[in-house]
Amino acid sequence: MVRRNYPRSGSLGYRPRKRAKRELARFRTWPSGESVGLLGFAGYKVGMTHFIGVDGRKTSPTTGMDVSIPVTVLAVPPMKVFAMRTYKQDDTCIRTFKDFISPKVDKFLRRKLNSLKQGKEPDFKVLEGQNISDVTLLLHTQPFMTSTGSKKPQIIELGISGSNVEEKLTYAKEMLGKEINASDVFAENDYIDAKAVTTGKGMQGPMKRFGVARQRHKASKIRIVGSIGPWHPAAVMWSVPRPGQMGYHTRTDLNKKIIKMGTDGKEITPAGGFLTYGVANGPYIALAGSVPGPVNRVIGLRKSIRPPLKENVVLSEITYVSKKSQQ
């Protein structure tokens, strides 16, 4: 029988393939925009279900017909702004200048930052005469509003859109100490980027890690690479599939479309609740397709930095939301 031959799997663009330093992914790049406002948010992965709706793509062979779309549900409880961070242009690069802490800090934030000082009004006079180049906001999540069972918040730094630094400063001062909802940042049918740490799979061999073919049945070892390189140079090349860590890597999914947003997650919760999560209480976002990470993991959300040229998912009407038990 002829052996099947297929290309190797696993991108060579991610090196080294080691565990992520932190479980919360952070964004280093933000899209540009004229109006002043937040560019991101954070949510908790709840699980997956599927919607059935009318296909609204004009050039699709299923135009006007019911199509089924897999959907990922994210719990997005309100986030609180507890600090404002300013950046200053140095001789070589942009560096952090000063953080301004809100006088009122949530009690659960003590679980994350023990040495956080509060009660004092921030002194913005130190900004006078300084060449401030950028302003961002530091927010923390409120996991006690979800079914994750955690009370320890996650801290994320979010960018502010706009080209005028003075307008950014004014906006950041106004939002200091306030709550921000996901509906204030995103809207239905928007395209966003989802960034998270993928599911960890531990130490794996080259067959599962890279998809190499198994050896013949009479070989001394079956699940290995036949040759790891030539005699000279006397070194193993970086492109040779080797055993090692698989999963728990930081990955970004671009252009995930928001199919539905709501304030009560019970309207899309299956009978018996989502597996390993439970009932989705509070605000939620339903994204078309999958996102990285397991259930209960924090997902960083950002406005699309590279919007698609054409829309691949268009539902003119949602006719059915699957609430079938997943037990």
C-alpha atoms as a PDB file:
ATOM      1  CA  MET A   1       0.000   0.000   0.000  1.00  0.00           C
ATOM      2  CA  VAL A   2       1.323   3.450  -0.920  1.00  0.00           C
ATOM      3  CA  ARG A   3       2.122   5.653   2.057  1.00  0.00           C
ATOM      4  CA  ARG A   4       0.199   8.892   2.262  1.00  0.00           C
ATOM      5  CA  ASN A   5       2.314  11.990   1.796  1.00  0.00           C
ATOM      6  CA  TYR A   6       1.277  15.406   3.071  1.00  0.00           C
ATOM      7  CA  PRO A   7       3.026  18.659   4.027  1.00  0.00           C
ATOM      8  CA  ARG A   8       4.293  19.208   7.529  1.00  0.00           C
ATOM      9  CA  SER A   9       2.070  21.244   9.820  1.00  0.00           C
ATOM     10  CA  GLY A  10       2.895  23.931  12.346  1.00  0.00           C
ATOM     11  CA  SER A  11       4.025  27.422  11.434  1.00  0.00           C
ATOM     12  CA  LEU A  12       7.776  28.063  11.486  1.00  0.00           C
ATOM     13  CA  GLY A  13       7.124  31.752  12.149  1.00  0.00           C
ATOM     14  CA  TYR A  14       6.666  31.290  15.905  1.00  0.00           C
ATOM     15  CA  ARG A  15      10.022  30.751  17.576  1.00  0.00           C
ATOM     16  CA  PRO A  16      10.769  29.821  20.258  1.00  0.00           C
ATOM     17  CA  ARG A  17       7.745  27.654  21.025  1.00  0.00           C
ATOM     18  CA  LYS A  18       7.836  28.058  24.789  1.00  0.00           C
ATOM     19  CA  ARG A  19       5.256  28.887  27.413  1.00  0.00           C
ATOM     20  CA  ALA A  20       3.885  32.406  27.596  1.00  0.00           C
ATOM     21  CA  LYS A  21       5.264  34.627  30.366  1.00  0.00           C
ATOM     22  CA  ARG A  22       1.829  35.743  31.520  1.00  0.00           C
ATOM     23  CA  GLU A  23      -1.699  34.446  31.071  1.00  0.00           C
ATOM     24  CA  LEU A  24      -3.152  37.850  30.180  1.00  0.00           C
ATOM     25  CA  ALA A  25      -2.215  38.897  26.656  1.00  0.00           C
ATOM     26  CA  ARG A  26      -1.415  42.571  26.091  1.00  0.00           C
ATOM     27  CA  PHE A  27      -1.599  44.648  22.935  1.00  0.00           C
ATOM     28  CA  ARG A  28       1.401  46.676  21.828  1.00  0.00           C
ATOM     29  CA  THR A  29      -0.171  48.222  18.721  1.00  0.00           C
ATOM     30  CA  TRP A  30      -3.430  50.136  18.401  1.00  0.00           C
ATOM     31  CA  PRO A  31      -5.375  51.260  15.320  1.00  0.00           C
ATOM     32  CA  SER A  32      -5.597  54.931  14.474  1.00  0.00           C
ATOM     33  CA  GLY A  33      -8.804  56.957  14.744  1.00  0.00           C
ATOM     34  CA  GLU A  34      -9.950  60.569  14.705  1.00  0.00           C
ATOM     35  CA  SER A  35     -12.574  60.550  17.466  1.00  0.00           C
ATOM     36  CA  VAL A  36     -11.387  60.172  21.054  1.00  0.00           C
ATOM     37  CA  GLY A  37     -12.375  56.923  22.744  1.00  0.00           C
ATOM     38  CA  LEU A  38     -11.170  53.562  24.014  1.00  0.00           C
ATOM     39  CA  LEU A  39      -9.799  51.071  21.504  1.00  0.00           C
ATOM     40  CA  GLY A  40     -10.111  47.833  23.448  1.00  0.00           C
ATOM     41  CA  PHE A  41     -11.751  45.785  26.165  1.00  0.00           C
ATOM     42  CA  ALA A  42     -11.348  42.460  27.975  1.00  0.00           C
ATOM     43  CA  GLY A  43     -13.718  39.550  28.516  1.00  0.00           C
ATOM     44  CA  TYR A  44     -13.873  35.973  29.764  1.00  0.00           C
ATOM     45  CA  LYS A  45     -14.395  33.028  27.448  1.00  0.00           C
ATOM     46  CA  VAL A  46     -17.691  31.298  28.205  1.00  0.00           C
ATOM     47  CA  GLY A  47     -17.995  28.642  25.507  1.00  0.00           C
ATOM     48  CA  MET A  48     -19.356  27.985  22.029  1.00  0.00           C
ATOM     49  CA  THR A  49     -22.769  27.472  20.472  1.00  0.00           C
ATOM     50  CA  HIS A  50     -24.257  28.125  17.036  1.00  0.00           C
ATOM     51  CA  PHE A  51     -26.645  30.587  15.445  1.00  0.00           C
ATOM     52  CA  ILE A  52     -28.869  30.107  12.406  1.00  0.00           C
ATOM     53  CA  GLY A  53     -29.675  33.162  10.333  1.00  0.00           C
ATOM     54  CA  VAL A  54     -30.444  34.428   6.861  1.00  0.00           C
ATOM     55  CA  ASP A  55     -27.360  34.795   4.681  1.00  0.00           C
ATOM     56  CA  GLY A  56     -27.086  38.436   3.614  1.00  0.00           C
ATOM     57  CA  ARG A  57     -24.138  38.111   1.217  1.00  0.00           C
ATOM     58  CA  LYS A  58     -25.246  39.164  -2.268  1.00  0.00           C
ATOM     59  CA  THR A  59     -22.732  37.058  -4.189  1.00  0.00           C
ATOM     60  CA  SER A  60     -23.107  33.920  -2.062  1.00  0.00           C
ATOM     61  CA  PRO A  61     -24.833  30.803  -3.488  1.00  0.00           C
ATOM     62  CA  THR A  62     -26.822  30.664  -0.220  1.00  0.00           C
ATOM     63  CA  THR A  63     -28.157  34.229  -0.402  1.00  0.00           C
ATOM     64  CA  GLY A  64     -31.493  34.495   1.390  1.00  0.00           C
ATOM     65  CA  MET A  65     -31.173  30.973   2.809  1.00  0.00           C
ATOM     66  CA  ASP A  66     -30.665  29.880   6.419  1.00  0.00           C
ATOM     67  CA  VAL A  67     -27.033  29.185   7.291  1.00  0.00           C
ATOM     68  CA  SER A  68     -25.486  27.905  10.526  1.00  0.00           C
ATOM     69  CA  ILE A  69     -22.549  29.770  12.047  1.00  0.00           C
ATOM     70  CA  PRO A  70     -20.418  28.634  15.009  1.00  0.00           C
ATOM     71  CA  VAL A  71     -20.288  31.326  17.682  1.00  0.00           C
ATOM     72  CA  THR A  72     -18.021  31.977  20.670  1.00  0.00           C
ATOM     73  CA  VAL A  73     -19.645  33.648  23.677  1.00  0.00           C
ATOM     74  CA  LEU A  74     -17.604  36.031  25.832  1.00  0.00           C
ATOM     75  CA  ALA A  75     -18.681  37.438  29.185  1.00  0.00           C
ATOM     76  CA  VAL A  76     -17.854  41.158  29.250  1.00  0.00           C
ATOM     77  CA  PRO A  77     -18.666  42.633  32.676  1.00  0.00           C
ATOM     78  CA  PRO A  78     -17.981  46.364  33.094  1.00  0.00           C
ATOM     79  CA  MET A  79     -14.365  47.374  33.623  1.00  0.00           C
ATOM     80  CA  LYS A  80     -13.139  50.075  36.002  1.00  0.00           C
ATOM     81  CA  VAL A  81     -10.544  52.717  35.179  1.00  0.00           C
ATOM     82  CA  PHE A  82      -8.185  52.955  38.146  1.00  0.00           C
ATOM     83  CA  ALA A  83      -5.191  54.755  36.612  1.00  0.00           C
ATOM     84  CA  MET A  84      -3.998  56.907  33.736  1.00  0.00           C
ATOM     85  CA  ARG A  85      -0.555  56.344  32.216  1.00  0.00           C
ATOM     86  CA  THR A  86       1.405  58.994  30.328  1.00  0.00           C
ATOM     87  CA  TYR A  87       4.319  58.504  27.948  1.00  0.00           C
ATOM     88  CA  LYS A  88       7.148  60.872  27.133  1.00  0.00           C
ATOM     89  CA  GLN A  89       9.444  60.999  24.115  1.00  0.00           C
ATOM     90  CA  ASP A  90      13.037  60.305  25.116  1.00  0.00           C
ATOM     91  CA  ASP A  91      16.211  60.721  23.082  1.00  0.00           C
ATOM     92  CA  THR A  92      16.041  57.121  21.934  1.00  0.00           C
ATOM     93  CA  CYS A  93      12.469  55.909  22.448  1.00  0.00           C
ATOM     94  CA  ILE A  94       9.115  56.509  24.133  1.00  0.00           C
ATOM     95  CA  ARG A  95       9.186  55.811  27.877  1.00  0.00           C
ATOM     96  CA  THR A  96       6.622  55.789  30.672  1.00  0.00           C
ATOM     97  CA  PHE A  97       6.496  59.189  32.380  1.00  0.00           C
ATOM     98  CA  LYS A  98       4.012  58.895  35.260  1.00  0.00           C
ATOM     99  CA  ASP A  99       0.919  56.987  36.389  1.00  0.00           C
ATOM    100  CA  PHE A 100      -1.982  58.827  38.002  1.00  0.00           C
ATOM    101  CA  ILE A 101      -4.050  56.656  40.381  1.00  0.00           C
ATOM    102  CA  SER A 102      -7.733  57.266  40.985  1.00  0.00           C
ATOM    103  CA  PRO A 103      -8.598  58.353  44.554  1.00  0.00           C
ATOM    104  CA  LYS A 104     -11.267  55.626  44.720  1.00  0.00           C
ATOM    105  CA  VAL A 105     -10.006  52.086  44.099  1.00  0.00           C
ATOM    106  CA  ASP A 106     -12.104  48.909  44.098  1.00  0.00           C
ATOM    107  CA  LYS A 107     -11.537  46.634  47.097  1.00  0.00           C
ATOM    108  CA  PHE A 108     -10.959  43.579  44.889  1.00  0.00           C
ATOM    109  CA  LEU A 109      -7.987  45.318  43.267  1.00  0.00           C
ATOM    110  CA  ARG A 110      -6.104  44.772  46.531  1.00  0.00           C
ATOM    111  CA  ARG A 111      -5.925  41.098  45.616  1.00  0.00           C
ATOM    112  CA  LYS A 112      -3.787  42.057  42.616  1.00  0.00           C
ATOM    113  CA  LEU A 113      -1.885  45.135  43.843  1.00  0.00           C
ATOM    114  CA  ASN A 114      -1.141  45.041  47.566  1.00  0.00           C
ATOM    115  CA  SER A 115       0.973  48.211  47.628  1.00  0.00           C
ATOM    116  CA  LEU A 116      -1.563  50.378  45.786  1.00  0.00           C
ATOM    117  CA  LYS A 117      -1.997  53.768  47.454  1.00  0.00           C
ATOM    118  CA  GLN A 118      -5.344  55.504  47.307  1.00  0.00           C
ATOM    119  CA  GLY A 119      -7.227  58.369  48.855  1.00  0.00           C
ATOM    120  CA  LYS A 120      -5.146  61.152  47.304  1.00  0.00           C
ATOM    121  CA  GLU A 121      -6.250  63.274  44.415  1.00  0.00           C
ATOM    122  CA  PRO A 122      -3.843  62.951  41.459  1.00  0.00           C
ATOM    123  CA  ASP A 123      -1.562  65.933  40.917  1.00  0.00           C
ATOM    124  CA  PHE A 124      -1.761  66.820  37.242  1.00  0.00           C
ATOM    125  CA  LYS A 125       0.471  69.881  37.656  1.00  0.00           C
ATOM    126  CA  VAL A 126       3.541  67.752  36.946  1.00  0.00           C
ATOM    127  CA  LEU A 127       2.361  67.494  33.323  1.00  0.00           C
ATOM    128  CA  GLU A 128       2.861  71.209  32.732  1.00  0.00           C
ATOM    129  CA  GLY A 129       5.768  71.855  30.413  1.00  0.00           C
ATOM    130  CA  GLN A 130       6.271  68.156  29.681  1.00  0.00           C
ATOM    131  CA  ASN A 131       6.365  66.828  26.130  1.00  0.00           C
ATOM    132  CA  ILE A 132       3.732  64.094  26.573  1.00  0.00           C
ATOM    133  CA  SER A 133       3.555  61.910  23.467  1.00  0.00           C
ATOM    134  CA  ASP A 134       0.771  59.448  24.365  1.00  0.00           C
ATOM    135  CA  VAL A 135      -1.834  58.637  27.014  1.00  0.00           C
ATOM    136  CA  THR A 136      -3.379  55.273  27.911  1.00  0.00           C
ATOM    137  CA  LEU A 137      -5.768  53.977  30.569  1.00  0.00           C
ATOM    138  CA  LEU A 138      -5.223  51.166  33.074  1.00  0.00           C
ATOM    139  CA  LEU A 139      -8.379  49.179  33.739  1.00  0.00           C
ATOM    140  CA  HIS A 140      -9.197  46.085  35.768  1.00  0.00           C
ATOM    141  CA  THR A 141     -11.833  43.441  35.178  1.00  0.00           C
ATOM    142  CA  GLN A 142     -14.560  42.428  37.629  1.00  0.00           C
ATOM    143  CA  PRO A 143     -14.626  38.610  37.539  1.00  0.00           C
ATOM    144  CA  PHE A 144     -16.989  38.375  40.523  1.00  0.00           C
ATOM    145  CA  MET A 145     -19.755  39.378  38.084  1.00  0.00           C
ATOM    146  CA  THR A 146     -19.112  36.233  36.028  1.00  0.00           C
ATOM    147  CA  SER A 147     -19.409  32.494  36.694  1.00  0.00           C
ATOM    148  CA  THR A 148     -15.646  31.899  36.644  1.00  0.00           C
ATOM    149  CA  GLY A 149     -15.538  31.608  40.431  1.00  0.00           C
ATOM    150  CA  SER A 150     -12.682  34.107  40.693  1.00  0.00           C
ATOM    151  CA  LYS A 151     -12.526  37.448  42.502  1.00  0.00           C
ATOM    152  CA  LYS A 152      -8.973  38.441  41.605  1.00  0.00           C
ATOM    153  CA  PRO A 153      -9.142  40.995  38.780  1.00  0.00           C
ATOM    154  CA  GLN A 154      -6.939  41.213  35.711  1.00  0.00           C
ATOM    155  CA  ILE A 155      -5.202  44.481  34.799  1.00  0.00           C
ATOM    156  CA  ILE A 156      -4.999  45.561  31.178  1.00  0.00           C
ATOM    157  CA  GLU A 157      -3.656  48.691  29.496  1.00  0.00           C
ATOM    158  CA  LEU A 158      -5.876  50.080  26.729  1.00  0.00           C
ATOM    159  CA  GLY A 159      -5.070  52.674  24.109  1.00  0.00           C
ATOM    160  CA  ILE A 160      -7.055  55.809  23.312  1.00  0.00           C
ATOM    161  CA  SER A 161      -7.859  56.854  19.749  1.00  0.00           C
ATOM    162  CA  GLY A 162      -7.285  60.363  18.478  1.00  0.00           C
ATOM    163  CA  SER A 163      -4.465  62.447  17.050  1.00  0.00           C
ATOM    164  CA  ASN A 164      -4.493  65.273  19.622  1.00  0.00           C
ATOM    165  CA  VAL A 165      -2.679  64.476  22.879  1.00  0.00           C
ATOM    166  CA  GLU A 166      -4.505  67.245  24.770  1.00  0.00           C
ATOM    167  CA  GLU A 167      -7.867  65.702  23.875  1.00  0.00           C
ATOM    168  CA  LYS A 168      -6.590  62.325  25.036  1.00  0.00           C
ATOM    169  CA  LEU A 169      -5.519  63.821  28.360  1.00  0.00           C
ATOM    170  CA  THR A 170      -8.910  65.460  28.860  1.00  0.00           C
ATOM    171  CA  TYR A 171     -10.709  62.208  28.070  1.00  0.00           C
ATOM    172  CA  ALA A 172      -8.473  60.164  30.383  1.00  0.00           C
ATOM    173  CA  LYS A 173      -9.007  62.595  33.282  1.00  0.00           C
ATOM    174  CA  GLU A 174     -12.791  62.392  32.829  1.00  0.00           C
ATOM    175  CA  MET A 175     -12.812  58.563  32.754  1.00  0.00           C
ATOM    176  CA  LEU A 176     -10.570  58.142  35.808  1.00  0.00           C
ATOM    177  CA  GLY A 177     -12.419  56.084  38.413  1.00  0.00           C
ATOM    178  CA  LYS A 178     -15.445  55.350  36.191  1.00  0.00           C
ATOM    179  CA  GLU A 179     -16.916  52.127  34.821  1.00  0.00           C
ATOM    180  CA  ILE A 180     -16.805  51.351  31.102  1.00  0.00           C
ATOM    181  CA  ASN A 181     -19.092  48.880  29.360  1.00  0.00           C
ATOM    182  CA  ALA A 182     -18.308  46.870  26.245  1.00  0.00           C
ATOM    183  CA  SER A 183     -21.176  48.626  24.448  1.00  0.00           C
ATOM    184  CA  ASP A 184     -19.287  51.917  24.897  1.00  0.00           C
ATOM    185  CA  VAL A 185     -16.393  50.549  22.824  1.00  0.00           C
ATOM    186  CA  PHE A 186     -17.881  48.042  20.356  1.00  0.00           C
ATOM    187  CA  ALA A 187     -21.132  47.611  18.460  1.00  0.00           C
ATOM    188  CA  GLU A 188     -22.817  44.777  16.599  1.00  0.00           C
ATOM    189  CA  ASN A 189     -21.332  43.893  13.180  1.00  0.00           C
ATOM    190  CA  ASP A 190     -17.970  45.397  14.178  1.00  0.00           C
ATOM    191  CA  TYR A 191     -14.748  43.544  13.406  1.00  0.00           C
ATOM    192  CA  ILE A 192     -12.376  43.121  16.337  1.00  0.00           C
ATOM    193  CA  ASP A 193      -9.131  41.303  17.117  1.00  0.00           C
ATOM    194  CA  ALA A 194      -9.020  38.685  19.893  1.00  0.00           C
ATOM    195  CA  LYS A 195      -5.741  37.964  21.674  1.00  0.00           C
ATOM    196  CA  ALA A 196      -5.206  35.304  24.322  1.00  0.00           C
ATOM    197  CA  VAL A 197      -2.954  32.511  25.524  1.00  0.00           C
ATOM    198  CA  THR A 198      -3.868  29.228  23.868  1.00  0.00           C
ATOM    199  CA  THR A 199      -4.726  25.995  25.646  1.00  0.00           C
ATOM    200  CA  GLY A 200      -1.602  24.331  27.057  1.00  0.00           C
ATOM    201  CA  LYS A 201      -0.900  20.734  26.011  1.00  0.00           C
ATOM    202  CA  GLY A 202       2.409  20.219  27.801  1.00  0.00           C
ATOM    203  CA  MET A 203       5.359  18.253  26.432  1.00  0.00           C
ATOM    204  CA  GLN A 204       4.541  16.653  23.078  1.00  0.00           C
ATOM    205  CA  GLY A 205       6.476  14.713  20.463  1.00  0.00           C
ATOM    206  CA  PRO A 206       7.176  15.761  16.858  1.00  0.00           C
ATOM    207  CA  MET A 207       4.213  13.840  15.435  1.00  0.00           C
ATOM    208  CA  LYS A 208       1.588  15.734  17.394  1.00  0.00           C
ATOM    209  CA  ARG A 209       3.572  18.973  17.586  1.00  0.00           C
ATOM    210  CA  PHE A 210       4.470  19.270  13.899  1.00  0.00           C
ATOM    211  CA  GLY A 211       2.503  16.548  12.108  1.00  0.00           C
ATOM    212  CA  VAL A 212       5.455  14.522  10.798  1.00  0.00           C
ATOM    213  CA  ALA A 213       4.793  11.072   9.323  1.00  0.00           C
ATOM    214  CA  ARG A 214       5.282   7.970  11.458  1.00  0.00           C
ATOM    215  CA  GLN A 215       8.038   5.481  10.714  1.00  0.00           C
ATOM    216  CA  ARG A 216       7.474   2.069   9.088  1.00  0.00           C
ATOM    217  CA  HIS A 217       6.133  -0.629  11.362  1.00  0.00           C
ATOM    218  CA  LYS A 218       9.456  -2.530  11.549  1.00  0.00           C
ATOM    219  CA  ALA A 219      11.413   0.526  12.712  1.00  0.00           C
ATOM    220  CA  SER A 220      12.884   0.449  16.212  1.00  0.00           C
ATOM    221  CA  LYS A 221      10.992   3.643  17.087  1.00  0.00           C
ATOM    222  CA  ILE A 222       7.796   4.725  15.371  1.00  0.00           C
ATOM    223  CA  ARG A 223       6.935   8.242  16.586  1.00  0.00           C
ATOM    224  CA  ILE A 224      10.234   9.969  15.820  1.00  0.00           C
ATOM    225  CA  VAL A 225      11.829  12.010  13.056  1.00  0.00           C
ATOM    226  CA  GLY A 226      13.787   9.762  10.700  1.00  0.00           C
ATOM    227  CA  SER A 227      16.728  12.112  10.266  1.00  0.00           C
ATOM    228  CA  ILE A 228      17.500  15.224  12.283  1.00  0.00           C
ATOM    229  CA  GLY A 229      20.094  16.553   9.825  1.00  0.00           C
ATOM    230  CA  PRO A 230      23.316  15.849   7.907  1.00  0.00           C
ATOM    231  CA  TRP A 231      26.701  14.914   9.351  1.00  0.00           C
ATOM    232  CA  HIS A 232      28.087  18.361   8.550  1.00  0.00           C
ATOM    233  CA  PRO A 233      27.367  20.902   9.817  1.00  0.00           C
ATOM    234  CA  ALA A 234      27.436  19.014  13.100  1.00  0.00           C
ATOM    235  CA  ALA A 235      24.382  20.747  14.514  1.00  0.00           C
ATOM    236  CA  VAL A 236      20.625  20.279  14.452  1.00  0.00           C
ATOM    237  CA  MET A 237      18.947  22.926  12.300  1.00  0.00           C
ATOM    238  CA  TRP A 238      16.233  25.067  13.863  1.00  0.00           C
ATOM    239  CA  SER A 239      13.696  23.908  11.252  1.00  0.00           C
ATOM    240  CA  VAL A 240      13.925  20.234  12.269  1.00  0.00           C
ATOM    241  CA  PRO A 241      10.772  19.112  14.160  1.00  0.00           C
ATOM    242  CA  ARG A 242      11.741  18.360  17.762  1.00  0.00           C
ATOM    243  CA  PRO A 243       9.788  17.474  20.911  1.00  0.00           C
ATOM    244  CA  GLY A 244       8.881  20.290  23.253  1.00  0.00           C
ATOM    245  CA  GLN A 245       6.180  22.550  24.663  1.00  0.00           C
ATOM    246  CA  MET A 246       2.880  22.585  22.774  1.00  0.00           C
ATOM    247  CA  GLY A 247       0.225  25.158  23.509  1.00  0.00           C
ATOM    248  CA  TYR A 248       0.087  27.965  26.082  1.00  0.00           C
ATOM    249  CA  HIS A 249       1.374  30.412  23.478  1.00  0.00           C
ATOM    250  CA  THR A 250       0.153  33.964  22.928  1.00  0.00           C
ATOM    251  CA  ARG A 251      -1.810  34.181  19.675  1.00  0.00           C
ATOM    252  CA  THR A 252      -3.964  36.826  17.980  1.00  0.00           C
ATOM    253  CA  ASP A 253      -7.038  36.127  15.839  1.00  0.00           C
ATOM    254  CA  LEU A 254      -7.748  38.987  13.449  1.00  0.00           C
ATOM    255  CA  ASN A 255     -11.146  40.205  12.247  1.00  0.00           C
ATOM    256  CA  LYS A 256     -13.642  38.352  14.399  1.00  0.00           C
ATOM    257  CA  LYS A 257     -17.114  39.720  13.688  1.00  0.00           C
ATOM    258  CA  ILE A 258     -19.513  40.590  16.511  1.00  0.00           C
ATOM    259  CA  ILE A 259     -22.730  38.771  15.648  1.00  0.00           C
ATOM    260  CA  LYS A 260     -24.711  39.746  18.729  1.00  0.00           C
ATOM    261  CA  MET A 261     -24.360  41.820  21.903  1.00  0.00           C
ATOM    262  CA  GLY A 262     -26.644  41.781  24.912  1.00  0.00           C
ATOM    263  CA  THR A 263     -27.008  42.626  28.579  1.00  0.00           C
ATOM    264  CA  ASP A 264     -28.338  39.269  29.839  1.00  0.00           C
ATOM    265  CA  GLY A 265     -26.358  36.168  28.918  1.00  0.00           C
ATOM    266  CA  LYS A 266     -29.167  33.872  30.043  1.00  0.00           C
ATOM    267  CA  GLU A 267     -30.900  34.463  26.691  1.00  0.00           C
ATOM    268  CA  ILE A 268     -28.188  32.439  24.911  1.00  0.00           C
ATOM    269  CA  THR A 269     -27.204  30.020  27.715  1.00  0.00           C
ATOM    270  CA  PRO A 270     -27.869  26.337  26.846  1.00  0.00           C
ATOM    271  CA  ALA A 271     -29.971  24.162  29.106  1.00  0.00           C
ATOM    272  CA  GLY A 272     -27.792  23.199  32.058  1.00  0.00           C
ATOM    273  CA  GLY A 273     -25.276  25.952  31.336  1.00  0.00           C
ATOM    274  CA  PHE A 274     -22.065  26.040  29.328  1.00  0.00           C
ATOM    275  CA  LEU A 275     -19.636  23.220  30.001  1.00  0.00           C
ATOM    276  CA  THR A 276     -17.055  24.030  32.730  1.00  0.00           C
ATOM    277  CA  TYR A 277     -18.483  27.556  32.993  1.00  0.00           C
ATOM    278  CA  GLY A 278     -22.149  27.545  33.921  1.00  0.00           C
ATOM    279  CA  VAL A 279     -24.730  30.237  33.299  1.00  0.00           C
ATOM    280  CA  ALA A 280     -23.605  33.347  31.439  1.00  0.00           C
ATOM    281  CA  ASN A 281     -24.799  36.191  33.646  1.00  0.00           C
ATOM    282  CA  GLY A 282     -24.593  39.827  32.655  1.00  0.00           C
ATOM    283  CA  PRO A 283     -23.365  41.444  29.422  1.00  0.00           C
ATOM    284  CA  TYR A 284     -22.002  39.238  26.658  1.00  0.00           C
ATOM    285  CA  ILE A 285     -20.518  39.350  23.156  1.00  0.00           C
ATOM    286  CA  ALA A 286     -21.071  36.625  20.546  1.00  0.00           C
ATOM    287  CA  LEU A 287     -18.244  36.364  17.990  1.00  0.00           C
ATOM    288  CA  ALA A 288     -18.366  34.424  14.736  1.00  0.00           C
ATOM    289  CA  GLY A 289     -15.931  31.512  14.836  1.00  0.00           C
ATOM    290  CA  SER A 290     -13.475  30.531  17.531  1.00  0.00           C
ATOM    291  CA  VAL A 291     -10.979  32.469  19.639  1.00  0.00           C
ATOM    292  CA  PRO A 292      -7.771  31.264  21.328  1.00  0.00           C
ATOM    293  CA  GLY A 293      -7.715  29.904  24.846  1.00  0.00           C
ATOM    294  CA  PRO A 294      -9.796  27.576  27.024  1.00  0.00           C
ATOM    295  CA  VAL A 295     -13.008  28.388  28.872  1.00  0.00           C
ATOM    296  CA  ASN A 296     -12.685  30.955  31.724  1.00  0.00           C
ATOM    297  CA  ARG A 297      -9.541  32.510  30.228  1.00  0.00           C
ATOM    298  CA  VAL A 298      -9.246  36.282  29.820  1.00  0.00           C
ATOM    299  CA  ILE A 299      -9.522  37.383  26.170  1.00  0.00           C
ATOM    300  CA  GLY A 300      -8.106  40.730  25.112  1.00  0.00           C
ATOM    301  CA  LEU A 301     -10.250  42.534  22.555  1.00  0.00           C
ATOM    302  CA  ARG A 302      -9.162  45.350  20.241  1.00  0.00           C
ATOM    303  CA  LYS A 303     -10.741  47.245  17.382  1.00  0.00           C
ATOM    304  CA  SER A 304      -9.601  45.732  14.101  1.00  0.00           C
ATOM    305  CA  ILE A 305      -6.169  46.991  13.157  1.00  0.00           C
ATOM    306  CA  ARG A 306      -6.427  45.526   9.643  1.00  0.00           C
ATOM    307  CA  PRO A 307     -10.109  45.475   8.602  1.00  0.00           C
ATOM    308  CA  PRO A 308     -11.124  42.883   5.973  1.00  0.00           C
ATOM    309  CA  LEU A 309     -11.606  43.931   2.364  1.00  0.00           C
ATOM    310  CA  LYS A 310     -14.881  42.027   2.150  1.00  0.00           C
ATOM    311  CA  GLU A 311     -17.255  40.604   4.722  1.00  0.00           C
ATOM    312  CA  ASN A 312     -17.300  36.826   5.032  1.00  0.00           C
ATOM    313  CA  VAL A 313     -20.143  36.683   7.553  1.00  0.00           C
ATOM    314  CA  VAL A 314     -23.343  38.648   6.962  1.00  0.00           C
ATOM    315  CA  LEU A 315     -26.553  37.691   8.782  1.00  0.00           C
ATOM    316  CA  SER A 316     -29.482  39.879   7.828  1.00  0.00           C
ATOM    317  CA  GLU A 317     -31.589  38.161  10.508  1.00  0.00           C
ATOM    318  CA  ILE A 318     -30.905  35.686  13.338  1.00  0.00           C
ATOM    319  CA  THR A 319     -33.703  33.112  13.305  1.00  0.00           C
ATOM    320  CA  TYR A 320     -32.412  30.563  15.831  1.00  0.00           C
ATOM    321  CA  VAL A 321     -30.024  30.475  18.819  1.00  0.00           C
ATOM    322  CA  SER A 322     -29.035  26.971  19.921  1.00  0.00           C
ATOM    323  CA  LYS A 323     -29.865  26.334  23.583  1.00  0.00           C
ATOM    324  CA  LYS A 324     -29.533  22.567  23.403  1.00  0.00           C
ATOM    325  CA  SER A 325     -27.961  21.018  26.470  1.00  0.00           C
ATOM    326  CA  GLN A 326     -24.218  20.420  26.202  1.00  0.00           C
ATOM    327  CA  GLN A 327     -24.166  17.925  29.071  1.00  0.00           C
END
